[in-house]
């Protein structure tokens, strides 16, 4: 995410802004806040898991996951697209273009 140089620069700026006595206190507070946030998020996940009925969880775990690669390989390819007459090349139009690409002699 950040390179070592950027982290050192951020640390130096934080040291100048907050001073050497306030910086450890800010670090502890930030660590406690992150810990509480993780505990709260974990509690929400556990509550959501407990609220889901058991049969729904079992059904979701037993349902096979489709393989997208095999679906792409076995999917039928449509090749019945007609080429408009304007895009079809005739031998004479192809020869004219080749003549234009040649250097004059």
PDB file of N, CA and C in Angstrom:
ATOM      1  N   UNK A   1       0.828  -1.170   0.000  1.00  0.00           N
ATOM      2  CA  UNK A   1       0.000   0.000   0.000  1.00  0.00           C
ATOM      3  C   UNK A   1       0.882   1.246   0.000  1.00  0.00           C
ATOM      4  N   UNK A   2       1.653   1.440   1.051  1.00  0.00           N
ATOM      5  CA  UNK A   2       2.595   2.546   1.104  1.00  0.00           C
ATOM      6  C   UNK A   2       4.003   1.976   1.068  1.00  0.00           C
ATOM      7  N   UNK A   3       4.908   2.711   0.447  1.00  0.00           N
ATOM      8  CA  UNK A   3       6.302   2.273   0.455  1.00  0.00           C
ATOM      9  C   UNK A   3       6.937   2.685   1.784  1.00  0.00           C
ATOM     10  N   UNK A   4       8.129   2.187   2.030  1.00  0.00           N
ATOM     11  CA  UNK A   4       8.814   2.469   3.292  1.00  0.00           C
ATOM     12  C   UNK A   4       9.105   3.961   3.436  1.00  0.00           C
ATOM     13  N   UNK A   5       9.479   4.604   2.347  1.00  0.00           N
ATOM     14  CA  UNK A   5       9.765   6.033   2.392  1.00  0.00           C
ATOM     15  C   UNK A   5       8.542   6.860   2.750  1.00  0.00           C
ATOM     16  N   UNK A   6       7.389   6.471   2.210  1.00  0.00           N
ATOM     17  CA  UNK A   6       6.157   7.199   2.518  1.00  0.00           C
ATOM     18  C   UNK A   6       5.759   7.022   3.977  1.00  0.00           C
ATOM     19  N   UNK A   7       5.938   5.822   4.506  1.00  0.00           N
ATOM     20  CA  UNK A   7       5.598   5.567   5.912  1.00  0.00           C
ATOM     21  C   UNK A   7       6.504   6.378   6.836  1.00  0.00           C
ATOM     22  N   UNK A   8       7.786   6.447   6.516  1.00  0.00           N
ATOM     23  CA  UNK A   8       8.722   7.235   7.327  1.00  0.00           C
ATOM     24  C   UNK A   8       8.346   8.711   7.280  1.00  0.00           C
ATOM     25  N   UNK A   9       7.978   9.201   6.114  1.00  0.00           N
ATOM     26  CA  UNK A   9       7.575  10.601   5.980  1.00  0.00           C
ATOM     27  C   UNK A   9       6.318  10.891   6.802  1.00  0.00           C
ATOM     28  N   UNK A  10       5.350   9.996   6.761  1.00  0.00           N
ATOM     29  CA  UNK A  10       4.126  10.168   7.554  1.00  0.00           C
ATOM     30  C   UNK A  10       4.457  10.156   9.048  1.00  0.00           C
ATOM     31  N   UNK A  11       5.362   9.271   9.466  1.00  0.00           N
ATOM     32  CA  UNK A  11       5.752   9.203  10.882  1.00  0.00           C
ATOM     33  C   UNK A  11       6.436  10.492  11.325  1.00  0.00           C
ATOM     34  N   UNK A  12       7.285  11.050  10.485  1.00  0.00           N
ATOM     35  CA  UNK A  12       7.978  12.300  10.835  1.00  0.00           C
ATOM     36  C   UNK A  12       6.984  13.452  10.944  1.00  0.00           C
ATOM     37  N   UNK A  13       6.043  13.528  10.003  1.00  0.00           N
ATOM     38  CA  UNK A  13       5.030  14.592  10.055  1.00  0.00           C
ATOM     39  C   UNK A  13       4.169  14.437  11.304  1.00  0.00           C
ATOM     40  N   UNK A  14       3.779  13.204  11.636  1.00  0.00           N
ATOM     41  CA  UNK A  14       2.979  12.968  12.845  1.00  0.00           C
ATOM     42  C   UNK A  14       3.766  13.345  14.094  1.00  0.00           C
ATOM     43  N   UNK A  15       5.053  13.066  14.104  1.00  0.00           N
ATOM     44  CA  UNK A  15       5.893  13.422  15.253  1.00  0.00           C
ATOM     45  C   UNK A  15       5.952  14.933  15.431  1.00  0.00           C
ATOM     46  N   UNK A  16       6.085  15.669  14.326  1.00  0.00           N
ATOM     47  CA  UNK A  16       6.108  17.129  14.415  1.00  0.00           C
ATOM     48  C   UNK A  16       4.755  17.691  14.844  1.00  0.00           C
ATOM     49  N   UNK A  17       3.670  17.102  14.360  1.00  0.00           N
ATOM     50  CA  UNK A  17       2.338  17.623  14.687  1.00  0.00           C
ATOM     51  C   UNK A  17       1.945  17.361  16.133  1.00  0.00           C
ATOM     52  N   UNK A  18       2.175  16.145  16.622  1.00  0.00           N
ATOM     53  CA  UNK A  18       1.661  15.756  17.931  1.00  0.00           C
ATOM     54  C   UNK A  18       2.720  15.741  19.029  1.00  0.00           C
ATOM     55  N   UNK A  19       3.972  15.717  18.670  1.00  0.00           N
ATOM     56  CA  UNK A  19       5.023  15.707  19.678  1.00  0.00           C
ATOM     57  C   UNK A  19       5.303  14.308  20.195  1.00  0.00           C
ATOM     58  N   UNK A  20       6.474  14.120  20.821  1.00  0.00           N
ATOM     59  CA  UNK A  20       6.869  12.779  21.262  1.00  0.00           C
ATOM     60  C   UNK A  20       6.059  12.262  22.451  1.00  0.00           C
ATOM     61  N   UNK A  21       5.421  13.129  23.220  1.00  0.00           N
ATOM     62  CA  UNK A  21       4.652  12.649  24.374  1.00  0.00           C
ATOM     63  C   UNK A  21       3.236  12.246  23.986  1.00  0.00           C
ATOM     64  N   UNK A  22       2.681  12.879  22.992  1.00  0.00           N
ATOM     65  CA  UNK A  22       1.298  12.615  22.607  1.00  0.00           C
ATOM     66  C   UNK A  22       1.198  11.458  21.604  1.00  0.00           C
ATOM     67  N   UNK A  23       2.252  11.192  20.859  1.00  0.00           N
ATOM     68  CA  UNK A  23       2.211  10.180  19.794  1.00  0.00           C
ATOM     69  C   UNK A  23       1.941   8.768  20.314  1.00  0.00           C
ATOM     70  N   UNK A  24       2.583   8.285  21.386  1.00  0.00           N
ATOM     71  CA  UNK A  24       2.264   6.940  21.886  1.00  0.00           C
ATOM     72  C   UNK A  24       0.813   6.813  22.350  1.00  0.00           C
ATOM     73  N   UNK A  25       0.296   7.875  22.944  1.00  0.00           N
ATOM     74  CA  UNK A  25      -1.101   7.850  23.388  1.00  0.00           C
ATOM     75  C   UNK A  25      -2.047   7.740  22.189  1.00  0.00           C
ATOM     76  N   UNK A  26      -1.741   8.458  21.124  1.00  0.00           N
ATOM     77  CA  UNK A  26      -2.557   8.368  19.909  1.00  0.00           C
ATOM     78  C   UNK A  26      -2.494   6.967  19.303  1.00  0.00           C
ATOM     79  N   UNK A  27      -1.328   6.352  19.330  1.00  0.00           N
ATOM     80  CA  UNK A  27      -1.184   4.987  18.812  1.00  0.00           C
ATOM     81  C   UNK A  27      -2.015   3.991  19.600  1.00  0.00           C
ATOM     82  N   UNK A  28      -1.977   4.114  20.923  1.00  0.00           N
ATOM     83  CA  UNK A  28      -2.788   3.216  21.771  1.00  0.00           C
ATOM     84  C   UNK A  28      -4.276   3.410  21.501  1.00  0.00           C
ATOM     85  N   UNK A  29      -4.691   4.663  21.395  1.00  0.00           N
ATOM     86  CA  UNK A  29      -6.101   4.954  21.146  1.00  0.00           C
ATOM     87  C   UNK A  29      -6.537   4.394  19.795  1.00  0.00           C
ATOM     88  N   UNK A  30      -5.701   4.551  18.800  1.00  0.00           N
ATOM     89  CA  UNK A  30      -6.016   4.008  17.476  1.00  0.00           C
ATOM     90  C   UNK A  30      -6.098   2.486  17.514  1.00  0.00           C
ATOM     91  N   UNK A  31      -5.183   1.847  18.216  1.00  0.00           N
ATOM     92  CA  UNK A  31      -5.211   0.387  18.346  1.00  0.00           C
ATOM     93  C   UNK A  31      -6.462  -0.105  19.048  1.00  0.00           C
ATOM     94  N   UNK A  32      -6.853   0.569  20.124  1.00  0.00           N
ATOM     95  CA  UNK A  32      -8.082   0.183  20.842  1.00  0.00           C
ATOM     96  C   UNK A  32      -9.310   0.371  19.958  1.00  0.00           C
ATOM     97  N   UNK A  33      -9.331   1.466  19.206  1.00  0.00           N
ATOM     98  CA  UNK A  33     -10.470   1.733  18.326  1.00  0.00           C
ATOM     99  C   UNK A  33     -10.592   0.658  17.259  1.00  0.00           C
ATOM    100  N   UNK A  34      -9.486   0.291  16.651  1.00  0.00           N
ATOM    101  CA  UNK A  34      -9.518  -0.766  15.636  1.00  0.00           C
ATOM    102  C   UNK A  34      -9.937  -2.098  16.235  1.00  0.00           C
ATOM    103  N   UNK A  35      -9.475  -2.388  17.442  1.00  0.00           N
ATOM    104  CA  UNK A  35      -9.852  -3.632  18.112  1.00  0.00           C
ATOM    105  C   UNK A  35     -11.350  -3.674  18.382  1.00  0.00           C
ATOM    106  N   UNK A  36     -11.905  -2.579  18.873  1.00  0.00           N
ATOM    107  CA  UNK A  36     -13.349  -2.514  19.127  1.00  0.00           C
ATOM    108  C   UNK A  36     -14.139  -2.644  17.829  1.00  0.00           C
ATOM    109  N   UNK A  37     -13.646  -2.034  16.776  1.00  0.00           N
ATOM    110  CA  UNK A  37     -14.326  -2.125  15.484  1.00  0.00           C
ATOM    111  C   UNK A  37     -14.351  -3.567  14.983  1.00  0.00           C
ATOM    112  N   UNK A  38     -13.225  -4.259  15.101  1.00  0.00           N
ATOM    113  CA  UNK A  38     -13.167  -5.661  14.673  1.00  0.00           C
ATOM    114  C   UNK A  38     -14.096  -6.537  15.504  1.00  0.00           C
ATOM    115  N   UNK A  39     -14.144  -6.294  16.808  1.00  0.00           N
ATOM    116  CA  UNK A  39     -15.047  -7.068  17.673  1.00  0.00           C
ATOM    117  C   UNK A  39     -16.502  -6.829  17.284  1.00  0.00           C
ATOM    118  N   UNK A  40     -16.856  -5.582  17.006  1.00  0.00           N
ATOM    119  CA  UNK A  40     -18.222  -5.261  16.597  1.00  0.00           C
ATOM    120  C   UNK A  40     -18.588  -5.905  15.273  1.00  0.00           C
ATOM    121  N   UNK A  41     -17.665  -5.867  14.316  1.00  0.00           N
ATOM    122  CA  UNK A  41     -17.923  -6.485  13.016  1.00  0.00           C
ATOM    123  C   UNK A  41     -18.064  -7.996  13.161  1.00  0.00           C
ATOM    124  N   UNK A  42     -17.235  -8.605  13.995  1.00  0.00           N
ATOM    125  CA  UNK A  42     -17.318 -10.053  14.232  1.00  0.00           C
ATOM    126  C   UNK A  42     -18.649 -10.409  14.883  1.00  0.00           C
ATOM    127  N   UNK A  43     -19.102  -9.573  15.835  1.00  0.00           N
ATOM    128  CA  UNK A  43     -20.390  -9.804  16.482  1.00  0.00           C
ATOM    129  C   UNK A  43     -21.542  -9.729  15.495  1.00  0.00           C
ATOM    130  N   UNK A  44     -21.487  -8.769  14.575  1.00  0.00           N
ATOM    131  CA  UNK A  44     -22.528  -8.668  13.551  1.00  0.00           C
ATOM    132  C   UNK A  44     -22.541  -9.896  12.650  1.00  0.00           C
ATOM    133  N   UNK A  45     -21.362 -10.378  12.278  1.00  0.00           N
ATOM    134  CA  UNK A  45     -21.289 -11.573  11.424  1.00  0.00           C
ATOM    135  C   UNK A  45     -21.855 -12.789  12.149  1.00  0.00           C
ATOM    136  N   UNK A  46     -21.545 -12.925  13.432  1.00  0.00           N
ATOM    137  CA  UNK A  46     -22.067 -14.057  14.209  1.00  0.00           C
ATOM    138  C   UNK A  46     -23.578 -13.964  14.360  1.00  0.00           C
ATOM    139  N   UNK A  47     -24.099 -12.747  14.573  1.00  0.00           N
ATOM    140  CA  UNK A  47     -25.547 -12.570  14.685  1.00  0.00           C
ATOM    141  C   UNK A  47     -26.248 -12.906  13.374  1.00  0.00           C
ATOM    142  N   UNK A  48     -25.668 -12.482  12.259  1.00  0.00           N
ATOM    143  CA  UNK A  48     -26.272 -12.774  10.958  1.00  0.00           C
ATOM    144  C   UNK A  48     -26.238 -14.270  10.679  1.00  0.00           C
ATOM    145  N   UNK A  49     -25.162 -14.920  11.075  1.00  0.00           N
ATOM    146  CA  UNK A  49     -25.045 -16.363  10.863  1.00  0.00           C
ATOM    147  C   UNK A  49     -26.048 -17.113  11.734  1.00  0.00           C
ATOM    148  N   UNK A  50     -26.229 -16.652  12.958  1.00  0.00           N
ATOM    149  CA  UNK A  50     -27.168 -17.313  13.863  1.00  0.00           C
ATOM    150  C   UNK A  50     -28.615 -17.056  13.452  1.00  0.00           C
ATOM    151  N   UNK A  51     -28.883 -15.912  12.812  1.00  0.00           N
ATOM    152  CA  UNK A  51     -30.249 -15.577  12.419  1.00  0.00           C
ATOM    153  C   UNK A  51     -30.706 -16.366  11.197  1.00  0.00           C
ATOM    154  N   UNK A  52     -29.782 -16.817  10.370  1.00  0.00           N
ATOM    155  CA  UNK A  52     -30.157 -17.581   9.178  1.00  0.00           C
ATOM    156  C   UNK A  52     -30.641 -18.964   9.603  1.00  0.00           C
ATOM    157  N   UNK A  53     -31.754 -19.426   9.038  1.00  0.00           N
ATOM    158  CA  UNK A  53     -32.238 -20.767   9.380  1.00  0.00           C
ATOM    159  C   UNK A  53     -31.230 -21.841   8.983  1.00  0.00           C
ATOM    160  N   UNK A  54     -31.212 -22.914   9.719  1.00  0.00           N
ATOM    161  CA  UNK A  54     -30.248 -23.991   9.498  1.00  0.00           C
ATOM    162  C   UNK A  54     -30.419 -24.609   8.113  1.00  0.00           C
ATOM    163  N   UNK A  55     -31.668 -24.811   7.651  1.00  0.00           N
ATOM    164  CA  UNK A  55     -31.867 -25.452   6.354  1.00  0.00           C
ATOM    165  C   UNK A  55     -31.375 -24.573   5.211  1.00  0.00           C
ATOM    166  N   UNK A  56     -31.465 -23.249   5.353  1.00  0.00           N
ATOM    167  CA  UNK A  56     -30.954 -22.353   4.318  1.00  0.00           C
ATOM    168  C   UNK A  56     -29.438 -22.444   4.258  1.00  0.00           C
ATOM    169  N   UNK A  57     -28.786 -22.508   5.416  1.00  0.00           N
ATOM    170  CA  UNK A  57     -27.327 -22.623   5.434  1.00  0.00           C
ATOM    171  C   UNK A  57     -26.871 -23.940   4.829  1.00  0.00           C
ATOM    172  N   UNK A  58     -27.561 -25.034   5.164  1.00  0.00           N
ATOM    173  CA  UNK A  58     -27.190 -26.341   4.619  1.00  0.00           C
ATOM    174  C   UNK A  58     -27.397 -26.365   3.112  1.00  0.00           C
ATOM    175  N   UNK A  59     -28.504 -25.772   2.642  1.00  0.00           N
ATOM    176  CA  UNK A  59     -28.788 -25.747   1.213  1.00  0.00           C
ATOM    177  C   UNK A  59     -27.721 -24.952   0.466  1.00  0.00           C
ATOM    178  N   UNK A  60     -27.301 -23.828   1.034  1.00  0.00           N
ATOM    179  CA  UNK A  60     -26.284 -23.006   0.392  1.00  0.00           C
ATOM    180  C   UNK A  60     -24.941 -23.722   0.351  1.00  0.00           C
ATOM    181  N   UNK A  61     -24.636 -24.505   1.375  1.00  0.00           N
ATOM    182  CA  UNK A  61     -23.355 -25.208   1.403  1.00  0.00           C
ATOM    183  C   UNK A  61     -23.361 -26.414   0.471  1.00  0.00           C
ATOM    184  N   UNK A  62     -24.511 -27.020   0.223  1.00  0.00           N
ATOM    185  CA  UNK A  62     -24.569 -28.219  -0.606  1.00  0.00           C
ATOM    186  C   UNK A  62     -24.782 -27.899  -2.081  1.00  0.00           C
ATOM    187  N   UNK A  63     -25.178 -26.692  -2.399  1.00  0.00           N
ATOM    188  CA  UNK A  63     -25.429 -26.313  -3.783  1.00  0.00           C
ATOM    189  C   UNK A  63     -24.104 -26.274  -4.551  1.00  0.00           C
ATOM    190  N   UNK A  64     -24.028 -26.945  -5.710  1.00  0.00           N
ATOM    191  CA  UNK A  64     -22.773 -26.926  -6.468  1.00  0.00           C
ATOM    192  C   UNK A  64     -22.545 -25.554  -7.104  1.00  0.00           C
ATOM    193  N   UNK A  65     -21.304 -25.192  -7.179  1.00  0.00           N
ATOM    194  CA  UNK A  65     -20.926 -23.926  -7.787  1.00  0.00           C
ATOM    195  C   UNK A  65     -20.657 -24.182  -9.264  1.00  0.00           C
ATOM    196  N   UNK A  66     -21.316 -23.451 -10.173  1.00  0.00           N
ATOM    197  CA  UNK A  66     -21.092 -23.689 -11.597  1.00  0.00           C
ATOM    198  C   UNK A  66     -19.689 -23.253 -12.003  1.00  0.00           C
ATOM    199  N   UNK A  67     -19.143 -23.973 -12.956  1.00  0.00           N
ATOM    200  CA  UNK A  67     -17.810 -23.672 -13.467  1.00  0.00           C
ATOM    201  C   UNK A  67     -17.964 -22.761 -14.685  1.00  0.00           C
ATOM    202  N   UNK A  68     -17.575 -21.478 -14.592  1.00  0.00           N
ATOM    203  CA  UNK A  68     -17.794 -20.564 -15.709  1.00  0.00           C
ATOM    204  C   UNK A  68     -16.971 -20.920 -16.939  1.00  0.00           C
ATOM    205  N   UNK A  69     -15.825 -21.543 -16.766  1.00  0.00           N
ATOM    206  CA  UNK A  69     -14.986 -21.891 -17.906  1.00  0.00           C
ATOM    207  C   UNK A  69     -15.656 -22.967 -18.747  1.00  0.00           C
ATOM    208  N   UNK A  70     -16.190 -23.999 -18.105  1.00  0.00           N
ATOM    209  CA  UNK A  70     -16.834 -25.058 -18.876  1.00  0.00           C
ATOM    210  C   UNK A  70     -18.097 -24.548 -19.550  1.00  0.00           C
ATOM    211  N   UNK A  71     -18.784 -23.576 -18.937  1.00  0.00           N
ATOM    212  CA  UNK A  71     -19.957 -22.999 -19.580  1.00  0.00           C
ATOM    213  C   UNK A  71     -19.561 -22.251 -20.842  1.00  0.00           C
ATOM    214  N   UNK A  72     -18.436 -21.559 -20.817  1.00  0.00           N
ATOM    215  CA  UNK A  72     -17.992 -20.841 -22.002  1.00  0.00           C
ATOM    216  C   UNK A  72     -17.553 -21.795 -23.100  1.00  0.00           C
ATOM    217  N   UNK A  73     -16.929 -22.888 -22.706  1.00  0.00           N
ATOM    218  CA  UNK A  73     -16.437 -23.838 -23.700  1.00  0.00           C
ATOM    219  C   UNK A  73     -17.596 -24.562 -24.375  1.00  0.00           C
ATOM    220  N   UNK A  74     -18.623 -24.927 -23.616  1.00  0.00           N
ATOM    221  CA  UNK A  74     -19.725 -25.694 -24.184  1.00  0.00           C
ATOM    222  C   UNK A  74     -20.838 -24.820 -24.740  1.00  0.00           C
ATOM    223  N   UNK A  75     -20.748 -23.503 -24.598  1.00  0.00           N
ATOM    224  CA  UNK A  75     -21.802 -22.623 -25.103  1.00  0.00           C
ATOM    225  C   UNK A  75     -21.795 -22.643 -26.627  1.00  0.00           C
ATOM    226  N   UNK A  76     -22.982 -22.726 -27.252  1.00  0.00           N
ATOM    227  CA  UNK A  76     -23.031 -22.737 -28.714  1.00  0.00           C
ATOM    228  C   UNK A  76     -22.638 -21.378 -29.276  1.00  0.00           C
ATOM    229  N   UNK A  77     -21.973 -21.405 -30.403  1.00  0.00           N
ATOM    230  CA  UNK A  77     -21.522 -20.189 -31.061  1.00  0.00           C
ATOM    231  C   UNK A  77     -22.436 -19.936 -32.245  1.00  0.00           C
ATOM    232  N   UNK A  78     -22.961 -18.732 -32.339  1.00  0.00           N
ATOM    233  CA  UNK A  78     -23.835 -18.394 -33.453  1.00  0.00           C
ATOM    234  C   UNK A  78     -22.986 -17.862 -34.595  1.00  0.00           C
ATOM    235  N   UNK A  79     -23.112 -18.492 -35.750  1.00  0.00           N
ATOM    236  CA  UNK A  79     -22.340 -18.070 -36.916  1.00  0.00           C
ATOM    237  C   UNK A  79     -23.237 -17.745 -38.092  1.00  0.00           C
ATOM    238  N   UNK A  80     -24.511 -17.517 -37.857  1.00  0.00           N
ATOM    239  CA  UNK A  80     -25.435 -17.271 -38.954  1.00  0.00           C
ATOM    240  C   UNK A  80     -25.626 -15.783 -39.229  1.00  0.00           C
ATOM    241  N   UNK A  81     -24.641 -14.975 -38.914  1.00  0.00           N
ATOM    242  CA  UNK A  81     -24.740 -13.545 -39.179  1.00  0.00           C
ATOM    243  C   UNK A  81     -24.403 -13.288 -40.640  1.00  0.00           C
ATOM    244  N   UNK A  82     -25.272 -12.569 -41.297  1.00  0.00           N
ATOM    245  CA  UNK A  82     -25.036 -12.246 -42.701  1.00  0.00           C
ATOM    246  C   UNK A  82     -24.148 -11.009 -42.790  1.00  0.00           C
ATOM    247  N   UNK A  83     -23.218 -11.023 -43.718  1.00  0.00           N
ATOM    248  CA  UNK A  83     -22.327  -9.894 -43.932  1.00  0.00           C
ATOM    249  C   UNK A  83     -23.014  -8.951 -44.909  1.00  0.00           C
ATOM    250  N   UNK A  84     -23.146  -7.668 -44.565  1.00  0.00           N
ATOM    251  CA  UNK A  84     -23.786  -6.728 -45.486  1.00  0.00           C
ATOM    252  C   UNK A  84     -23.030  -6.662 -46.803  1.00  0.00           C
ATOM    253  N   UNK A  85     -23.767  -6.359 -47.848  1.00  0.00           N
ATOM    254  CA  UNK A  85     -23.171  -6.325 -49.187  1.00  0.00           C
ATOM    255  C   UNK A  85     -22.089  -5.263 -49.283  1.00  0.00           C
ATOM    256  N   UNK A  86     -22.221  -4.186 -48.524  1.00  0.00           N
ATOM    257  CA  UNK A  86     -21.217  -3.124 -48.573  1.00  0.00           C
ATOM    258  C   UNK A  86     -19.873  -3.595 -48.029  1.00  0.00           C
ATOM    259  N   UNK A  87     -19.896  -4.552 -47.103  1.00  0.00           N
ATOM    260  CA  UNK A  87     -18.656  -5.017 -46.495  1.00  0.00           C
ATOM    261  C   UNK A  87     -18.036  -6.189 -47.235  1.00  0.00           C
ATOM    262  N   UNK A  88     -18.811  -6.830 -48.099  1.00  0.00           N
ATOM    263  CA  UNK A  88     -18.262  -7.961 -48.839  1.00  0.00           C
ATOM    264  C   UNK A  88     -17.275  -7.439 -49.870  1.00  0.00           C
ATOM    265  N   UNK A  89     -16.148  -8.115 -49.973  1.00  0.00           N
ATOM    266  CA  UNK A  89     -15.116  -7.677 -50.894  1.00  0.00           C
ATOM    267  C   UNK A  89     -15.205  -8.485 -52.179  1.00  0.00           C
ATOM    268  N   UNK A  90     -15.197  -7.770 -53.246  1.00  0.00           N
ATOM    269  CA  UNK A  90     -15.139  -8.439 -54.549  1.00  0.00           C
ATOM    270  C   UNK A  90     -13.692  -8.422 -55.001  1.00  0.00           C
ATOM    271  N   UNK A  91     -13.322  -9.325 -55.884  1.00  0.00           N
ATOM    272  CA  UNK A  91     -11.922  -9.335 -56.341  1.00  0.00           C
ATOM    273  C   UNK A  91     -11.495  -8.017 -56.967  1.00  0.00           C
ATOM    274  N   UNK A  92     -12.389  -7.342 -57.677  1.00  0.00           N
ATOM    275  CA  UNK A  92     -11.996  -6.096 -58.331  1.00  0.00           C
ATOM    276  C   UNK A  92     -11.738  -4.989 -57.307  1.00  0.00           C
ATOM    277  N   UNK A  93     -12.556  -4.906 -56.246  1.00  0.00           N
ATOM    278  CA  UNK A  93     -12.331  -3.865 -55.244  1.00  0.00           C
ATOM    279  C   UNK A  93     -11.060  -4.142 -54.453  1.00  0.00           C
ATOM    280  N   UNK A  94     -10.749  -5.407 -54.235  1.00  0.00           N
ATOM    281  CA  UNK A  94      -9.533  -5.766 -53.523  1.00  0.00           C
ATOM    282  C   UNK A  94      -8.307  -5.409 -54.369  1.00  0.00           C
ATOM    283  N   UNK A  95      -8.373  -5.644 -55.671  1.00  0.00           N
ATOM    284  CA  UNK A  95      -7.251  -5.314 -56.548  1.00  0.00           C
ATOM    285  C   UNK A  95      -7.017  -3.810 -56.600  1.00  0.00           C
ATOM    286  N   UNK A  96      -8.090  -3.023 -56.596  1.00  0.00           N
ATOM    287  CA  UNK A  96      -7.938  -1.569 -56.650  1.00  0.00           C
ATOM    288  C   UNK A  96      -7.231  -1.057 -55.400  1.00  0.00           C
ATOM    289  N   UNK A  97      -7.577  -1.624 -54.252  1.00  0.00           N
ATOM    290  CA  UNK A  97      -6.926  -1.187 -53.016  1.00  0.00           C
ATOM    291  C   UNK A  97      -5.460  -1.586 -53.009  1.00  0.00           C
ATOM    292  N   UNK A  98      -5.159  -2.759 -53.523  1.00  0.00           N
ATOM    293  CA  UNK A  98      -3.756  -3.177 -53.574  1.00  0.00           C
ATOM    294  C   UNK A  98      -2.968  -2.280 -54.508  1.00  0.00           C
ATOM    295  N   UNK A  99      -3.602  -1.836 -55.592  1.00  0.00           N
ATOM    296  CA  UNK A  99      -2.921  -0.932 -56.514  1.00  0.00           C
ATOM    297  C   UNK A  99      -2.639   0.414 -55.847  1.00  0.00           C
ATOM    298  N   UNK A 100      -3.546   0.883 -54.994  1.00  0.00           N
ATOM    299  CA  UNK A 100      -3.339   2.158 -54.324  1.00  0.00           C
ATOM    300  C   UNK A 100      -2.216   2.079 -53.299  1.00  0.00           C
ATOM    301  N   UNK A 101      -1.978   0.898 -52.755  1.00  0.00           N
ATOM    302  CA  UNK A 101      -0.929   0.752 -51.750  1.00  0.00           C
ATOM    303  C   UNK A 101       0.461   0.648 -52.379  1.00  0.00           C
ATOM    304  N   UNK A 102       0.519   0.328 -53.632  1.00  0.00           N
ATOM    305  CA  UNK A 102       1.825   0.207 -54.286  1.00  0.00           C
ATOM    306  C   UNK A 102       2.410   1.582 -54.563  1.00  0.00           C
ATOM    307  N   UNK A 103       3.717   1.648 -54.537  1.00  0.00           N
ATOM    308  CA  UNK A 103       4.401   2.892 -54.869  1.00  0.00           C
ATOM    309  C   UNK A 103       4.391   3.078 -56.379  1.00  0.00           C
ATOM    310  N   UNK A 104       4.230   4.306 -56.831  1.00  0.00           N
ATOM    311  CA  UNK A 104       4.251   4.529 -58.289  1.00  0.00           C
ATOM    312  C   UNK A 104       5.638   4.235 -58.838  1.00  0.00           C
ATOM    313  N   UNK A 105       5.639   3.723 -60.032  1.00  0.00           N
ATOM    314  CA  UNK A 105       6.928   3.356 -60.659  1.00  0.00           C
ATOM    315  C   UNK A 105       7.448   4.447 -61.526  1.00  0.00           C
TER     316      UNK A 105
END
